[in-house]
Amino acid sequence: MFTLLAKNEEETMEIAAQLAQLLEPKDVILLEGNLGAGKTTFTKGLAKGLGIDTVIKSPTYTLIREYTKGRLPLYHMDVYRLEDVGGDDLGFEEYLFGNGVSVIEWAKFIEEELPDAYLTISLVPTGEFYENREITFLPTGERYNSLVETLQGILMKEGK
């Protein structure tokens, strides 16, 4: 686990883009944070790092947005609306075990659908005007332990 501070939206996206360079098919990222914490902004950075050159929108009302024109497909999910019903029989496994990267907001509502290994990223607004983001990377599983160690090394070299 490690935590760093992004001083603005652009820096948050740069950190996400660096992470994207390390991602592989079937990687699963869980984004945690309150409304307005920067989950969609972080996903925009991931998309940029994957070479996806399209407008990234929050999937709040659609559950899943698919972006397929990049190095890897990006599946952006917001499962908040499944709080009371769960994700049974919605086909999440097709995304989680498919050829792309799955980014899930509010994953606690579909815990039973998640794979054994994933990377949780927590975003917490800080600063006098909440302009900063405290970003914490919490890996679960060997793949993500290694990924976080590599990312930490890259970001430290860049002075982040």
C-alpha atoms as a PDB file:
ATOM      1  CA  MET A   1       0.000   0.000   0.000  1.00  0.00           C
ATOM      2  CA  PHE A   2       1.164   3.513  -0.653  1.00  0.00           C
ATOM      3  CA  THR A   3      -0.377   6.967  -0.650  1.00  0.00           C
ATOM      4  CA  LEU A   4       0.515  10.107  -2.541  1.00  0.00           C
ATOM      5  CA  LEU A   5      -0.894  13.567  -3.028  1.00  0.00           C
ATOM      6  CA  ALA A   6      -2.045  14.946  -6.369  1.00  0.00           C
ATOM      7  CA  LYS A   7      -2.150  18.741  -6.294  1.00  0.00           C
ATOM      8  CA  ASN A   8      -4.797  19.127  -8.999  1.00  0.00           C
ATOM      9  CA  GLU A   9      -6.959  17.315 -11.531  1.00  0.00           C
ATOM     10  CA  GLU A  10      -4.183  17.255 -14.129  1.00  0.00           C
ATOM     11  CA  GLU A  11      -1.771  15.560 -11.727  1.00  0.00           C
ATOM     12  CA  THR A  12      -4.448  13.004 -10.795  1.00  0.00           C
ATOM     13  CA  MET A  13      -4.844  12.166 -14.476  1.00  0.00           C
ATOM     14  CA  GLU A  14      -1.057  11.919 -14.967  1.00  0.00           C
ATOM     15  CA  ILE A  15      -0.777   9.399 -12.127  1.00  0.00           C
ATOM     16  CA  ALA A  16      -3.623   7.367 -13.621  1.00  0.00           C
ATOM     17  CA  ALA A  17      -1.980   7.495 -17.070  1.00  0.00           C
ATOM     18  CA  GLN A  18       1.244   6.128 -15.563  1.00  0.00           C
ATOM     19  CA  LEU A  19      -0.717   3.271 -14.001  1.00  0.00           C
ATOM     20  CA  ALA A  20      -2.402   2.566 -17.341  1.00  0.00           C
ATOM     21  CA  GLN A  21       0.985   1.852 -18.918  1.00  0.00           C
ATOM     22  CA  LEU A  22       1.327  -1.130 -16.555  1.00  0.00           C
ATOM     23  CA  LEU A  23      -2.144  -2.593 -17.007  1.00  0.00           C
ATOM     24  CA  GLU A  24      -2.889  -5.904 -18.700  1.00  0.00           C
ATOM     25  CA  PRO A  25      -6.027  -7.697 -19.897  1.00  0.00           C
ATOM     26  CA  LYS A  26      -8.258  -8.868 -17.030  1.00  0.00           C
ATOM     27  CA  ASP A  27      -6.904  -6.252 -14.593  1.00  0.00           C
ATOM     28  CA  VAL A  28      -9.544  -5.017 -12.162  1.00  0.00           C
ATOM     29  CA  ILE A  29      -9.402  -1.624 -10.457  1.00  0.00           C
ATOM     30  CA  LEU A  30     -11.831  -0.627  -7.735  1.00  0.00           C
ATOM     31  CA  LEU A  31     -12.237   3.109  -7.260  1.00  0.00           C
ATOM     32  CA  GLU A  32     -13.371   4.307  -3.841  1.00  0.00           C
ATOM     33  CA  GLY A  33     -14.351   7.810  -2.836  1.00  0.00           C
ATOM     34  CA  ASN A  34     -17.338   9.981  -2.088  1.00  0.00           C
ATOM     35  CA  LEU A  35     -19.298  11.753  -4.800  1.00  0.00           C
ATOM     36  CA  GLY A  36     -16.991  14.316  -6.386  1.00  0.00           C
ATOM     37  CA  ALA A  37     -13.817  12.620  -5.122  1.00  0.00           C
ATOM     38  CA  GLY A  38     -12.378  12.283  -8.632  1.00  0.00           C
ATOM     39  CA  LYS A  39     -13.218   8.720  -9.646  1.00  0.00           C
ATOM     40  CA  THR A  40     -14.224   9.670 -13.184  1.00  0.00           C
ATOM     41  CA  THR A  41     -11.233  12.034 -13.453  1.00  0.00           C
ATOM     42  CA  PHE A  42      -8.946   9.140 -12.509  1.00  0.00           C
ATOM     43  CA  THR A  43     -10.661   6.970 -15.131  1.00  0.00           C
ATOM     44  CA  LYS A  44     -10.063   9.707 -17.728  1.00  0.00           C
ATOM     45  CA  GLY A  45      -6.355   9.464 -16.923  1.00  0.00           C
ATOM     46  CA  LEU A  46      -6.428   5.684 -17.280  1.00  0.00           C
ATOM     47  CA  ALA A  47      -8.125   6.049 -20.659  1.00  0.00           C
ATOM     48  CA  LYS A  48      -5.522   8.564 -21.787  1.00  0.00           C
ATOM     49  CA  GLY A  49      -2.736   6.204 -20.734  1.00  0.00           C
ATOM     50  CA  LEU A  50      -4.384   3.376 -22.658  1.00  0.00           C
ATOM     51  CA  GLY A  51      -4.519   5.520 -25.796  1.00  0.00           C
ATOM     52  CA  ILE A  52      -8.286   5.968 -25.712  1.00  0.00           C
ATOM     53  CA  ASP A  53      -9.026   9.292 -27.356  1.00  0.00           C
ATOM     54  CA  THR A  54     -12.704   9.852 -26.683  1.00  0.00           C
ATOM     55  CA  VAL A  55     -14.794  11.669 -24.098  1.00  0.00           C
ATOM     56  CA  ILE A  56     -14.971   9.660 -20.872  1.00  0.00           C
ATOM     57  CA  LYS A  57     -18.267  10.054 -19.042  1.00  0.00           C
ATOM     58  CA  SER A  58     -19.467   8.733 -15.712  1.00  0.00           C
ATOM     59  CA  PRO A  59     -21.511   5.558 -16.157  1.00  0.00           C
ATOM     60  CA  THR A  60     -23.849   6.498 -13.292  1.00  0.00           C
ATOM     61  CA  TYR A  61     -27.060   5.997 -15.257  1.00  0.00           C
ATOM     62  CA  THR A  62     -25.851   3.319 -17.670  1.00  0.00           C
ATOM     63  CA  LEU A  63     -23.959   1.028 -15.222  1.00  0.00           C
ATOM     64  CA  ILE A  64     -21.221   0.270 -17.773  1.00  0.00           C
ATOM     65  CA  ARG A  65     -19.460   2.310 -20.447  1.00  0.00           C
ATOM     66  CA  GLU A  66     -17.185   0.490 -22.861  1.00  0.00           C
ATOM     67  CA  TYR A  67     -14.217   2.163 -24.558  1.00  0.00           C
ATOM     68  CA  THR A  68     -12.574  -0.154 -27.067  1.00  0.00           C
ATOM     69  CA  LYS A  69     -10.311   2.050 -29.205  1.00  0.00           C
ATOM     70  CA  GLY A  70      -7.044   1.913 -27.304  1.00  0.00           C
ATOM     71  CA  ARG A  71      -4.203  -0.420 -26.333  1.00  0.00           C
ATOM     72  CA  LEU A  72      -6.724  -2.348 -24.223  1.00  0.00           C
ATOM     73  CA  PRO A  73     -10.490  -2.046 -23.894  1.00  0.00           C
ATOM     74  CA  LEU A  74     -11.617  -0.104 -20.829  1.00  0.00           C
ATOM     75  CA  TYR A  75     -14.819  -1.101 -19.055  1.00  0.00           C
ATOM     76  CA  HIS A  76     -15.924   1.666 -16.677  1.00  0.00           C
ATOM     77  CA  MET A  77     -18.640   0.556 -14.259  1.00  0.00           C
ATOM     78  CA  ASP A  78     -20.599   2.486 -11.661  1.00  0.00           C
ATOM     79  CA  VAL A  79     -22.596  -0.054  -9.677  1.00  0.00           C
ATOM     80  CA  TYR A  80     -24.001   2.334  -7.065  1.00  0.00           C
ATOM     81  CA  ARG A  81     -27.521   1.719  -8.327  1.00  0.00           C
ATOM     82  CA  LEU A  82     -27.142  -1.981  -7.486  1.00  0.00           C
ATOM     83  CA  GLU A  83     -26.956  -1.252  -3.739  1.00  0.00           C
ATOM     84  CA  ASP A  84     -30.254  -2.984  -2.996  1.00  0.00           C
ATOM     85  CA  VAL A  85     -30.221  -5.691  -5.677  1.00  0.00           C
ATOM     86  CA  GLY A  86     -26.587  -6.771  -6.185  1.00  0.00           C
ATOM     87  CA  GLY A  87     -25.048  -7.790  -9.468  1.00  0.00           C
ATOM     88  CA  ASP A  88     -26.277 -11.358  -9.877  1.00  0.00           C
ATOM     89  CA  ASP A  89     -26.953 -12.367 -13.473  1.00  0.00           C
ATOM     90  CA  LEU A  90     -25.786  -9.077 -15.015  1.00  0.00           C
ATOM     91  CA  GLY A  91     -22.813 -10.649 -16.791  1.00  0.00           C
ATOM     92  CA  PHE A  92     -20.025  -8.845 -14.941  1.00  0.00           C
ATOM     93  CA  GLU A  93     -17.766 -11.878 -15.401  1.00  0.00           C
ATOM     94  CA  GLU A  94     -17.671 -11.169 -19.142  1.00  0.00           C
ATOM     95  CA  TYR A  95     -15.940  -7.887 -18.345  1.00  0.00           C
ATOM     96  CA  LEU A  96     -13.881  -8.975 -15.336  1.00  0.00           C
ATOM     97  CA  PHE A  97     -12.412 -11.977 -17.124  1.00  0.00           C
ATOM     98  CA  GLY A  98     -12.423 -10.497 -20.637  1.00  0.00           C
ATOM     99  CA  ASN A  99      -9.747  -8.850 -22.757  1.00  0.00           C
ATOM    100  CA  GLY A 100      -9.813  -5.426 -21.140  1.00  0.00           C
ATOM    101  CA  VAL A 101      -9.358  -3.462 -17.950  1.00  0.00           C
ATOM    102  CA  SER A 102     -12.349  -3.171 -15.620  1.00  0.00           C
ATOM    103  CA  VAL A 103     -12.696  -0.032 -13.502  1.00  0.00           C
ATOM    104  CA  ILE A 104     -15.460  -0.296 -10.922  1.00  0.00           C
ATOM    105  CA  GLU A 105     -16.917   2.482  -8.800  1.00  0.00           C
ATOM    106  CA  TRP A 106     -18.861   1.463  -5.677  1.00  0.00           C
ATOM    107  CA  ALA A 107     -17.634  -2.138  -5.932  1.00  0.00           C
ATOM    108  CA  LYS A 108     -18.848  -2.951  -2.410  1.00  0.00           C
ATOM    109  CA  PHE A 109     -22.286  -3.480  -3.940  1.00  0.00           C
ATOM    110  CA  ILE A 110     -21.071  -6.398  -6.090  1.00  0.00           C
ATOM    111  CA  GLU A 111     -18.417  -7.911  -3.790  1.00  0.00           C
ATOM    112  CA  GLU A 112     -19.591 -11.462  -4.510  1.00  0.00           C
ATOM    113  CA  GLU A 113     -18.907 -10.916  -8.235  1.00  0.00           C
ATOM    114  CA  LEU A 114     -15.316  -9.684  -7.819  1.00  0.00           C
ATOM    115  CA  PRO A 115     -12.256 -11.804  -8.598  1.00  0.00           C
ATOM    116  CA  ASP A 116      -9.862 -12.787  -5.797  1.00  0.00           C
ATOM    117  CA  ALA A 117      -7.228 -10.257  -6.887  1.00  0.00           C
ATOM    118  CA  TYR A 118      -7.700  -6.543  -7.695  1.00  0.00           C
ATOM    119  CA  LEU A 119      -6.320  -3.077  -7.032  1.00  0.00           C
ATOM    120  CA  THR A 120      -8.297  -0.722  -4.811  1.00  0.00           C
ATOM    121  CA  ILE A 121      -7.629   2.984  -5.300  1.00  0.00           C
ATOM    122  CA  SER A 122      -9.039   5.404  -2.761  1.00  0.00           C
ATOM    123  CA  LEU A 123      -9.470   9.074  -3.662  1.00  0.00           C
ATOM    124  CA  VAL A 124      -9.939  11.612  -0.870  1.00  0.00           C
ATOM    125  CA  PRO A 125     -10.259  15.365  -1.542  1.00  0.00           C
ATOM    126  CA  THR A 126      -7.948  17.464   0.669  1.00  0.00           C
ATOM    127  CA  GLY A 127      -6.747  21.046   0.859  1.00  0.00           C
ATOM    128  CA  GLU A 128      -8.417  24.287   1.832  1.00  0.00           C
ATOM    129  CA  PHE A 129     -10.665  24.205  -1.241  1.00  0.00           C
ATOM    130  CA  TYR A 130     -10.548  20.399  -1.720  1.00  0.00           C
ATOM    131  CA  GLU A 131      -8.388  20.888  -4.802  1.00  0.00           C
ATOM    132  CA  ASN A 132      -5.915  18.116  -3.873  1.00  0.00           C
ATOM    133  CA  ARG A 133      -6.461  14.377  -3.952  1.00  0.00           C
ATOM    134  CA  GLU A 134      -4.937  11.917  -1.528  1.00  0.00           C
ATOM    135  CA  ILE A 135      -4.607   8.767  -3.638  1.00  0.00           C
ATOM    136  CA  THR A 136      -4.065   5.443  -1.864  1.00  0.00           C
ATOM    137  CA  PHE A 137      -3.205   2.252  -3.745  1.00  0.00           C
ATOM    138  CA  LEU A 138      -4.173  -0.939  -1.889  1.00  0.00           C
ATOM    139  CA  PRO A 139      -3.296  -4.133  -3.776  1.00  0.00           C
ATOM    140  CA  THR A 140      -5.011  -7.491  -3.200  1.00  0.00           C
ATOM    141  CA  GLY A 141      -3.097 -10.406  -4.710  1.00  0.00           C
ATOM    142  CA  GLU A 142       0.429 -10.912  -6.004  1.00  0.00           C
ATOM    143  CA  ARG A 143      -0.199  -9.360  -9.451  1.00  0.00           C
ATOM    144  CA  TYR A 144      -1.297  -6.107  -7.856  1.00  0.00           C
ATOM    145  CA  ASN A 145       1.417  -6.109  -5.189  1.00  0.00           C
ATOM    146  CA  SER A 146       3.956  -6.205  -8.009  1.00  0.00           C
ATOM    147  CA  LEU A 147       2.077  -3.622 -10.055  1.00  0.00           C
ATOM    148  CA  VAL A 148       1.922  -1.164  -7.128  1.00  0.00           C
ATOM    149  CA  GLU A 149       5.640  -1.626  -6.373  1.00  0.00           C
ATOM    150  CA  THR A 150       6.489  -0.867 -10.002  1.00  0.00           C
ATOM    151  CA  LEU A 151       4.183   2.151 -10.115  1.00  0.00           C
ATOM    152  CA  GLN A 152       5.612   3.494  -6.866  1.00  0.00           C
ATOM    153  CA  GLY A 153       9.133   3.237  -8.302  1.00  0.00           C
ATOM    154  CA  ILE A 154       8.135   5.095 -11.466  1.00  0.00           C
ATOM    155  CA  LEU A 155       6.326   7.855  -9.574  1.00  0.00           C
ATOM    156  CA  MET A 156       9.193   8.300  -7.088  1.00  0.00           C
ATOM    157  CA  LYS A 157      11.637   8.756  -9.976  1.00  0.00           C
ATOM    158  CA  GLU A 158       9.357  11.513 -11.271  1.00  0.00           C
ATOM    159  CA  GLY A 159       9.284  13.172  -7.856  1.00  0.00           C
ATOM    160  CA  LYS A 160       5.634  12.484  -7.049  1.00  0.00           C
END
